[in-house]
PDB file of N, CA and C in Angstrom:
ATOM      1  N   MET A   1       5.674   3.799  -6.449  1.00  0.00           N
ATOM      2  CA  MET A   1       4.795   2.732  -6.053  1.00  0.00           C
ATOM      3  C   MET A   1       5.367   1.451  -6.602  1.00  0.00           C
ATOM      4  N   THR A   2       5.542   0.451  -5.748  1.00  0.00           N
ATOM      5  CA  THR A   2       6.043  -0.852  -6.162  1.00  0.00           C
ATOM      6  C   THR A   2       5.128  -1.935  -5.643  1.00  0.00           C
ATOM      7  N   VAL A   3       4.773  -2.870  -6.511  1.00  0.00           N
ATOM      8  CA  VAL A   3       4.002  -4.044  -6.096  1.00  0.00           C
ATOM      9  C   VAL A   3       4.970  -5.238  -6.104  1.00  0.00           C
ATOM     10  N   ALA A   4       5.024  -5.942  -5.022  1.00  0.00           N
ATOM     11  CA  ALA A   4       5.939  -7.120  -4.905  1.00  0.00           C
ATOM     12  C   ALA A   4       5.111  -8.324  -4.472  1.00  0.00           C
ATOM     13  N   PRO A   5       4.466  -9.000  -5.431  1.00  0.00           N
ATOM     14  CA  PRO A   5       3.593 -10.142  -5.046  1.00  0.00           C
ATOM     15  C   PRO A   5       4.356 -11.327  -4.478  1.00  0.00           C
ATOM     16  N   ALA A   6       5.619 -11.482  -4.784  1.00  0.00           N
ATOM     17  CA  ALA A   6       6.379 -12.642  -4.287  1.00  0.00           C
ATOM     18  C   ALA A   6       7.201 -12.335  -3.059  1.00  0.00           C
ATOM     19  N   ALA A   7       7.084 -11.109  -2.534  1.00  0.00           N
ATOM     20  CA  ALA A   7       7.906 -10.730  -1.357  1.00  0.00           C
ATOM     21  C   ALA A   7       7.460 -11.406  -0.095  1.00  0.00           C
ATOM     22  N   SER A   8       6.267 -11.942  -0.064  1.00  0.00           N
ATOM     23  CA  SER A   8       5.721 -12.635   1.128  1.00  0.00           C
ATOM     24  C   SER A   8       4.812 -13.761   0.674  1.00  0.00           C
ATOM     25  N   ARG A   9       4.845 -14.845   1.393  1.00  0.00           N
ATOM     26  CA  ARG A   9       3.957 -15.965   1.082  1.00  0.00           C
ATOM     27  C   ARG A   9       2.526 -15.671   1.504  1.00  0.00           C
ATOM     28  N   HIS A  10       2.365 -14.782   2.495  1.00  0.00           N
ATOM     29  CA  HIS A  10       1.092 -14.591   3.125  1.00  0.00           C
ATOM     30  C   HIS A  10       0.372 -13.288   2.707  1.00  0.00           C
ATOM     31  N   ALA A  11       1.057 -12.428   1.972  1.00  0.00           N
ATOM     32  CA  ALA A  11       0.444 -11.154   1.637  1.00  0.00           C
ATOM     33  C   ALA A  11       1.160 -10.594   0.412  1.00  0.00           C
ATOM     34  N   THR A  12       0.511  -9.605  -0.193  1.00  0.00           N
ATOM     35  CA  THR A  12       1.106  -8.864  -1.307  1.00  0.00           C
ATOM     36  C   THR A  12       1.717  -7.600  -0.689  1.00  0.00           C
ATOM     37  N   VAL A  13       2.925  -7.288  -1.068  1.00  0.00           N
ATOM     38  CA  VAL A  13       3.597  -6.112  -0.539  1.00  0.00           C
ATOM     39  C   VAL A  13       3.471  -4.954  -1.515  1.00  0.00           C
ATOM     40  N   ILE A  14       2.958  -3.832  -1.041  1.00  0.00           N
ATOM     41  CA  ILE A  14       2.888  -2.626  -1.837  1.00  0.00           C
ATOM     42  C   ILE A  14       3.737  -1.585  -1.108  1.00  0.00           C
ATOM     43  N   GLU A  15       4.774  -1.111  -1.806  1.00  0.00           N
ATOM     44  CA  GLU A  15       5.657  -0.113  -1.227  1.00  0.00           C
ATOM     45  C   GLU A  15       5.334   1.253  -1.797  1.00  0.00           C
ATOM     46  N   VAL A  16       5.230   2.206  -0.932  1.00  0.00           N
ATOM     47  CA  VAL A  16       4.903   3.578  -1.304  1.00  0.00           C
ATOM     48  C   VAL A  16       6.097   4.436  -0.917  1.00  0.00           C
ATOM     49  N   ARG A  17       6.619   5.167  -1.905  1.00  0.00           N
ATOM     50  CA  ARG A  17       7.661   6.180  -1.640  1.00  0.00           C
ATOM     51  C   ARG A  17       7.107   7.525  -2.084  1.00  0.00           C
ATOM     52  N   ALA A  18       7.075   8.459  -1.127  1.00  0.00           N
ATOM     53  CA  ALA A  18       6.512   9.778  -1.449  1.00  0.00           C
ATOM     54  C   ALA A  18       7.143  10.812  -0.543  1.00  0.00           C
ATOM     55  N   GLN A  19       7.005  12.074  -0.941  1.00  0.00           N
ATOM     56  CA  GLN A  19       7.466  13.146  -0.079  1.00  0.00           C
ATOM     57  C   GLN A  19       6.567  13.141   1.152  1.00  0.00           C
ATOM     58  N   ASP A  20       7.163  13.167   2.327  1.00  0.00           N
ATOM     59  CA  ASP A  20       6.361  13.135   3.556  1.00  0.00           C
ATOM     60  C   ASP A  20       5.589  14.423   3.696  1.00  0.00           C
ATOM     61  N   ALA A  21       4.366  14.301   4.196  1.00  0.00           N
ATOM     62  CA  ALA A  21       3.511  15.449   4.397  1.00  0.00           C
ATOM     63  C   ALA A  21       2.473  15.078   5.434  1.00  0.00           C
ATOM     64  N   PRO A  22       1.934  16.103   6.141  1.00  0.00           N
ATOM     65  CA  PRO A  22       0.870  15.808   7.095  1.00  0.00           C
ATOM     66  C   PRO A  22      -0.290  15.109   6.403  1.00  0.00           C
ATOM     67  N   GLY A  23      -0.797  14.058   7.008  1.00  0.00           N
ATOM     68  CA  GLY A  23      -1.936  13.344   6.449  1.00  0.00           C
ATOM     69  C   GLY A  23      -1.599  12.294   5.440  1.00  0.00           C
ATOM     70  N   LEU A  24      -0.314  12.114   5.076  1.00  0.00           N
ATOM     71  CA  LEU A  24       0.057  11.161   4.048  1.00  0.00           C
ATOM     72  C   LEU A  24      -0.377   9.740   4.414  1.00  0.00           C
ATOM     73  N   LEU A  25      -0.055   9.321   5.638  1.00  0.00           N
ATOM     74  CA  LEU A  25      -0.420   7.967   6.052  1.00  0.00           C
ATOM     75  C   LEU A  25      -1.919   7.784   6.099  1.00  0.00           C
ATOM     76  N   PHE A  26      -2.638   8.811   6.504  1.00  0.00           N
ATOM     77  CA  PHE A  26      -4.104   8.745   6.501  1.00  0.00           C
ATOM     78  C   PHE A  26      -4.646   8.552   5.094  1.00  0.00           C
ATOM     79  N   ARG A  27      -4.120   9.303   4.127  1.00  0.00           N
ATOM     80  CA  ARG A  27      -4.594   9.188   2.737  1.00  0.00           C
ATOM     81  C   ARG A  27      -4.307   7.782   2.190  1.00  0.00           C
ATOM     82  N   ILE A  28      -3.133   7.248   2.512  1.00  0.00           N
ATOM     83  CA  ILE A  28      -2.795   5.882   2.063  1.00  0.00           C
ATOM     84  C   ILE A  28      -3.759   4.880   2.698  1.00  0.00           C
ATOM     85  N   GLY A  29      -3.951   4.998   4.015  1.00  0.00           N
ATOM     86  CA  GLY A  29      -4.848   4.049   4.705  1.00  0.00           C
ATOM     87  C   GLY A  29      -6.271   4.114   4.176  1.00  0.00           C
ATOM     88  N   ARG A  30      -6.755   5.321   3.911  1.00  0.00           N
ATOM     89  CA  ARG A  30      -8.127   5.471   3.400  1.00  0.00           C
ATOM     90  C   ARG A  30      -8.225   4.846   2.006  1.00  0.00           C
ATOM     91  N   ALA A  31      -7.211   5.035   1.161  1.00  0.00           N
ATOM     92  CA  ALA A  31      -7.218   4.475  -0.203  1.00  0.00           C
ATOM     93  C   ALA A  31      -7.187   2.940  -0.110  1.00  0.00           C
ATOM     94  N   LEU A  32      -6.439   2.401   0.811  1.00  0.00           N
ATOM     95  CA  LEU A  32      -6.398   0.909   0.959  1.00  0.00           C
ATOM     96  C   LEU A  32      -7.774   0.415   1.441  1.00  0.00           C
ATOM     97  N   GLU A  33      -8.375   1.108   2.358  1.00  0.00           N
ATOM     98  CA  GLU A  33      -9.701   0.713   2.845  1.00  0.00           C
ATOM     99  C   GLU A  33     -10.729   0.819   1.723  1.00  0.00           C
ATOM    100  N   ASP A  34     -10.700   1.914   0.949  1.00  0.00           N
ATOM    101  CA  ASP A  34     -11.607   2.055  -0.180  1.00  0.00           C
ATOM    102  C   ASP A  34     -11.437   0.986  -1.222  1.00  0.00           C
ATOM    103  N   ALA A  35     -10.211   0.485  -1.350  1.00  0.00           N
ATOM    104  CA  ALA A  35      -9.925  -0.611  -2.296  1.00  0.00           C
ATOM    105  C   ALA A  35     -10.398  -1.954  -1.814  1.00  0.00           C
ATOM    106  N   GLY A  36     -10.788  -2.031  -0.540  1.00  0.00           N
ATOM    107  CA  GLY A  36     -11.346  -3.264  -0.006  1.00  0.00           C
ATOM    108  C   GLY A  36     -10.313  -4.305   0.396  1.00  0.00           C
ATOM    109  N   VAL A  37      -9.094  -3.865   0.647  1.00  0.00           N
ATOM    110  CA  VAL A  37      -8.039  -4.825   1.063  1.00  0.00           C
ATOM    111  C   VAL A  37      -7.804  -4.706   2.546  1.00  0.00           C
ATOM    112  N   ARG A  38      -7.223  -5.745   3.108  1.00  0.00           N
ATOM    113  CA  ARG A  38      -6.854  -5.746   4.520  1.00  0.00           C
ATOM    114  C   ARG A  38      -5.370  -5.537   4.652  1.00  0.00           C
ATOM    115  N   VAL A  39      -4.976  -4.772   5.630  1.00  0.00           N
ATOM    116  CA  VAL A  39      -3.543  -4.545   5.904  1.00  0.00           C
ATOM    117  C   VAL A  39      -3.177  -5.493   7.022  1.00  0.00           C
ATOM    118  N   ARG A  40      -2.314  -6.455   6.692  1.00  0.00           N
ATOM    119  CA  ARG A  40      -1.813  -7.406   7.702  1.00  0.00           C
ATOM    120  C   ARG A  40      -0.704  -6.786   8.510  1.00  0.00           C
ATOM    121  N   SER A  41       0.102  -5.958   7.862  1.00  0.00           N
ATOM    122  CA  SER A  41       1.263  -5.351   8.505  1.00  0.00           C
ATOM    123  C   SER A  41       1.648  -4.104   7.734  1.00  0.00           C
ATOM    124  N   ALA A  42       2.152  -3.103   8.440  1.00  0.00           N
ATOM    125  CA  ALA A  42       2.638  -1.891   7.793  1.00  0.00           C
ATOM    126  C   ALA A  42       3.997  -1.523   8.384  1.00  0.00           C
ATOM    127  N   HIS A  43       4.937  -1.257   7.539  1.00  0.00           N
ATOM    128  CA  HIS A  43       6.269  -0.837   7.970  1.00  0.00           C
ATOM    129  C   HIS A  43       6.453   0.581   7.460  1.00  0.00           C
ATOM    130  N   VAL A  44       6.392   1.534   8.352  1.00  0.00           N
ATOM    131  CA  VAL A  44       6.347   2.953   8.014  1.00  0.00           C
ATOM    132  C   VAL A  44       7.636   3.619   8.487  1.00  0.00           C
ATOM    133  N   SER A  45       8.289   4.307   7.583  1.00  0.00           N
ATOM    134  CA  SER A  45       9.511   5.033   7.982  1.00  0.00           C
ATOM    135  C   SER A  45       9.617   6.334   7.188  1.00  0.00           C
ATOM    136  N   THR A  46      10.389   7.235   7.762  1.00  0.00           N
ATOM    137  CA  THR A  46      10.653   8.527   7.103  1.00  0.00           C
ATOM    138  C   THR A  46      12.169   8.690   7.028  1.00  0.00           C
ATOM    139  N   LEU A  47      12.628   8.964   5.823  1.00  0.00           N
ATOM    140  CA  LEU A  47      14.033   9.186   5.558  1.00  0.00           C
ATOM    141  C   LEU A  47      14.206  10.613   5.059  1.00  0.00           C
ATOM    142  N   GLY A  48      14.584  11.505   5.954  1.00  0.00           N
ATOM    143  CA  GLY A  48      14.689  12.904   5.567  1.00  0.00           C
ATOM    144  C   GLY A  48      13.269  13.422   5.302  1.00  0.00           C
ATOM    145  N   ALA A  49      13.077  13.944   4.093  1.00  0.00           N
ATOM    146  CA  ALA A  49      11.774  14.502   3.701  1.00  0.00           C
ATOM    147  C   ALA A  49      10.912  13.461   2.989  1.00  0.00           C
ATOM    148  N   ASN A  50      11.370  12.217   2.926  1.00  0.00           N
ATOM    149  CA  ASN A  50      10.658  11.186   2.176  1.00  0.00           C
ATOM    150  C   ASN A  50      10.101  10.092   3.077  1.00  0.00           C
ATOM    151  N   ALA A  51       8.884   9.677   2.779  1.00  0.00           N
ATOM    152  CA  ALA A  51       8.273   8.536   3.447  1.00  0.00           C
ATOM    153  C   ALA A  51       8.503   7.300   2.599  1.00  0.00           C
ATOM    154  N   VAL A  52       8.876   6.213   3.268  1.00  0.00           N
ATOM    155  CA  VAL A  52       9.051   4.932   2.623  1.00  0.00           C
ATOM    156  C   VAL A  52       8.212   3.945   3.423  1.00  0.00           C
ATOM    157  N   ASP A  53       7.063   3.569   2.899  1.00  0.00           N
ATOM    158  CA  ASP A  53       6.109   2.738   3.618  1.00  0.00           C
ATOM    159  C   ASP A  53       5.828   1.435   2.870  1.00  0.00           C
ATOM    160  N   ALA A  54       5.834   0.328   3.560  1.00  0.00           N
ATOM    161  CA  ALA A  54       5.522  -0.963   2.928  1.00  0.00           C
ATOM    162  C   ALA A  54       4.278  -1.531   3.620  1.00  0.00           C
ATOM    163  N   PHE A  55       3.293  -1.874   2.824  1.00  0.00           N
ATOM    164  CA  PHE A  55       2.038  -2.402   3.331  1.00  0.00           C
ATOM    165  C   PHE A  55       1.895  -3.846   2.838  1.00  0.00           C
ATOM    166  N   TYR A  56       1.664  -4.750   3.769  1.00  0.00           N
ATOM    167  CA  TYR A  56       1.424  -6.156   3.464  1.00  0.00           C
ATOM    168  C   TYR A  56      -0.086  -6.330   3.469  1.00  0.00           C
ATOM    169  N   VAL A  57      -0.653  -6.507   2.293  1.00  0.00           N
ATOM    170  CA  VAL A  57      -2.132  -6.511   2.161  1.00  0.00           C
ATOM    171  C   VAL A  57      -2.615  -7.868   1.640  1.00  0.00           C
ATOM    172  N   THR A  58      -3.890  -8.158   1.976  1.00  0.00           N
ATOM    173  CA  THR A  58      -4.521  -9.383   1.558  1.00  0.00           C
ATOM    174  C   THR A  58      -5.939  -9.070   1.094  1.00  0.00           C
ATOM    175  N   GLU A  59      -6.573 -10.056   0.482  1.00  0.00           N
ATOM    176  CA  GLU A  59      -7.985  -9.998   0.176  1.00  0.00           C
ATOM    177  C   GLU A  59      -8.753 -10.161   1.494  1.00  0.00           C
ATOM    178  N   GLU A  60     -10.052  -9.966   1.438  1.00  0.00           N
ATOM    179  CA  GLU A  60     -10.886 -10.126   2.626  1.00  0.00           C
ATOM    180  C   GLU A  60     -10.730 -11.510   3.264  1.00  0.00           C
ATOM    181  N   GLN A  61     -10.510 -12.540   2.431  1.00  0.00           N
ATOM    182  CA  GLN A  61     -10.385 -13.899   2.915  1.00  0.00           C
ATOM    183  C   GLN A  61      -9.012 -14.211   3.481  1.00  0.00           C
ATOM    184  N   GLY A  62      -8.073 -13.269   3.398  1.00  0.00           N
ATOM    185  CA  GLY A  62      -6.763 -13.453   3.924  1.00  0.00           C
ATOM    186  C   GLY A  62      -5.718 -13.965   2.952  1.00  0.00           C
ATOM    187  N   GLU A  63      -6.076 -14.057   1.681  1.00  0.00           N
ATOM    188  CA  GLU A  63      -5.126 -14.514   0.651  1.00  0.00           C
ATOM    189  C   GLU A  63      -4.411 -13.330   0.016  1.00  0.00           C
ATOM    190  N   PRO A  64      -3.171 -13.548  -0.455  1.00  0.00           N
ATOM    191  CA  PRO A  64      -2.497 -12.471  -1.196  1.00  0.00           C
ATOM    192  C   PRO A  64      -3.316 -12.052  -2.386  1.00  0.00           C
ATOM    193  N   LEU A  65      -3.156 -10.814  -2.813  1.00  0.00           N
ATOM    194  CA  LEU A  65      -3.929 -10.306  -3.953  1.00  0.00           C
ATOM    195  C   LEU A  65      -3.450 -10.911  -5.263  1.00  0.00           C
ATOM    196  N   PRO A  66      -4.371 -11.205  -6.157  1.00  0.00           N
ATOM    197  CA  PRO A  66      -3.951 -11.542  -7.543  1.00  0.00           C
ATOM    198  C   PRO A  66      -3.242 -10.326  -8.119  1.00  0.00           C
ATOM    199  N   ILE A  67      -2.287 -10.553  -9.009  1.00  0.00           N
ATOM    200  CA  ILE A  67      -1.449  -9.457  -9.510  1.00  0.00           C
ATOM    201  C   ILE A  67      -2.281  -8.345 -10.147  1.00  0.00           C
ATOM    202  N   GLU A  68      -3.354  -8.695 -10.847  1.00  0.00           N
ATOM    203  CA  GLU A  68      -4.188  -7.666 -11.481  1.00  0.00           C
ATOM    204  C   GLU A  68      -4.822  -6.756 -10.426  1.00  0.00           C
ATOM    205  N   GLU A  69      -5.302  -7.374  -9.340  1.00  0.00           N
ATOM    206  CA  GLU A  69      -5.889  -6.593  -8.272  1.00  0.00           C
ATOM    207  C   GLU A  69      -4.851  -5.745  -7.563  1.00  0.00           C
ATOM    208  N   ALA A  70      -3.672  -6.280  -7.363  1.00  0.00           N
ATOM    209  CA  ALA A  70      -2.579  -5.533  -6.708  1.00  0.00           C
ATOM    210  C   ALA A  70      -2.217  -4.300  -7.518  1.00  0.00           C
ATOM    211  N   VAL A  71      -2.121  -4.449  -8.811  1.00  0.00           N
ATOM    212  CA  VAL A  71      -1.827  -3.309  -9.700  1.00  0.00           C
ATOM    213  C   VAL A  71      -2.932  -2.260  -9.636  1.00  0.00           C
ATOM    214  N   ALA A  72      -4.185  -2.713  -9.579  1.00  0.00           N
ATOM    215  CA  ALA A  72      -5.305  -1.793  -9.490  1.00  0.00           C
ATOM    216  C   ALA A  72      -5.260  -1.025  -8.169  1.00  0.00           C
ATOM    217  N   VAL A  73      -4.930  -1.714  -7.081  1.00  0.00           N
ATOM    218  CA  VAL A  73      -4.803  -1.056  -5.788  1.00  0.00           C
ATOM    219  C   VAL A  73      -3.684   0.003  -5.824  1.00  0.00           C
ATOM    220  N   ALA A  74      -2.554  -0.371  -6.422  1.00  0.00           N
ATOM    221  CA  ALA A  74      -1.433   0.572  -6.554  1.00  0.00           C
ATOM    222  C   ALA A  74      -1.857   1.819  -7.319  1.00  0.00           C
ATOM    223  N   ARG A  75      -2.634   1.653  -8.372  1.00  0.00           N
ATOM    224  CA  ARG A  75      -3.140   2.786  -9.143  1.00  0.00           C
ATOM    225  C   ARG A  75      -4.023   3.696  -8.285  1.00  0.00           C
ATOM    226  N   LYS A  76      -4.904   3.058  -7.485  1.00  0.00           N
ATOM    227  CA  LYS A  76      -5.767   3.850  -6.592  1.00  0.00           C
ATOM    228  C   LYS A  76      -4.944   4.630  -5.578  1.00  0.00           C
ATOM    229  N   LEU A  77      -3.871   4.004  -5.082  1.00  0.00           N
ATOM    230  CA  LEU A  77      -3.000   4.695  -4.157  1.00  0.00           C
ATOM    231  C   LEU A  77      -2.353   5.912  -4.815  1.00  0.00           C
ATOM    232  N   GLU A  78      -1.869   5.729  -6.025  1.00  0.00           N
ATOM    233  CA  GLU A  78      -1.264   6.823  -6.773  1.00  0.00           C
ATOM    234  C   GLU A  78      -2.235   7.983  -6.968  1.00  0.00           C
ATOM    235  N   GLU A  79      -3.484   7.648  -7.311  1.00  0.00           N
ATOM    236  CA  GLU A  79      -4.502   8.671  -7.504  1.00  0.00           C
ATOM    237  C   GLU A  79      -4.781   9.407  -6.213  1.00  0.00           C
ATOM    238  N   ALA A  80      -4.843   8.673  -5.107  1.00  0.00           N
ATOM    239  CA  ALA A  80      -5.126   9.271  -3.810  1.00  0.00           C
ATOM    240  C   ALA A  80      -3.995  10.229  -3.394  1.00  0.00           C
ATOM    241  N   LEU A  81      -2.765   9.871  -3.731  1.00  0.00           N
ATOM    242  CA  LEU A  81      -1.643  10.717  -3.346  1.00  0.00           C
ATOM    243  C   LEU A  81      -1.521  11.967  -4.219  1.00  0.00           C
ATOM    244  N   ARG A  82      -2.064  11.901  -5.432  1.00  0.00           N
ATOM    245  CA  ARG A  82      -2.057  13.081  -6.315  1.00  0.00           C
ATOM    246  C   ARG A  82      -3.111  14.066  -5.935  1.00  0.00           C
ATOM    247  N   ALA A  83      -4.183  13.571  -5.294  1.00  0.00           N
ATOM    248  CA  ALA A  83      -5.301  14.468  -4.953  1.00  0.00           C
ATOM    249  C   ALA A  83      -4.973  15.462  -3.874  1.00  0.00           C
TER     250      ALA A  83
END
């Protein structure tokens, strides 16, 4: 899990690297929704058995996430992927 707050002027980029599995994208999407963020853009790819997904997320008002909130969202994503 990588948080890149400076990767975009308009959104916070959260990159997820995980072993690909059925339902992985659903679990990520549900965790992002539960965290209350909006996904402006998603770049989803699979390299062999691994998923490499980048999500450009914002607050409800459309602003990039403050770094503390971005880190908290990344933690929620990690928890969702472990479940």
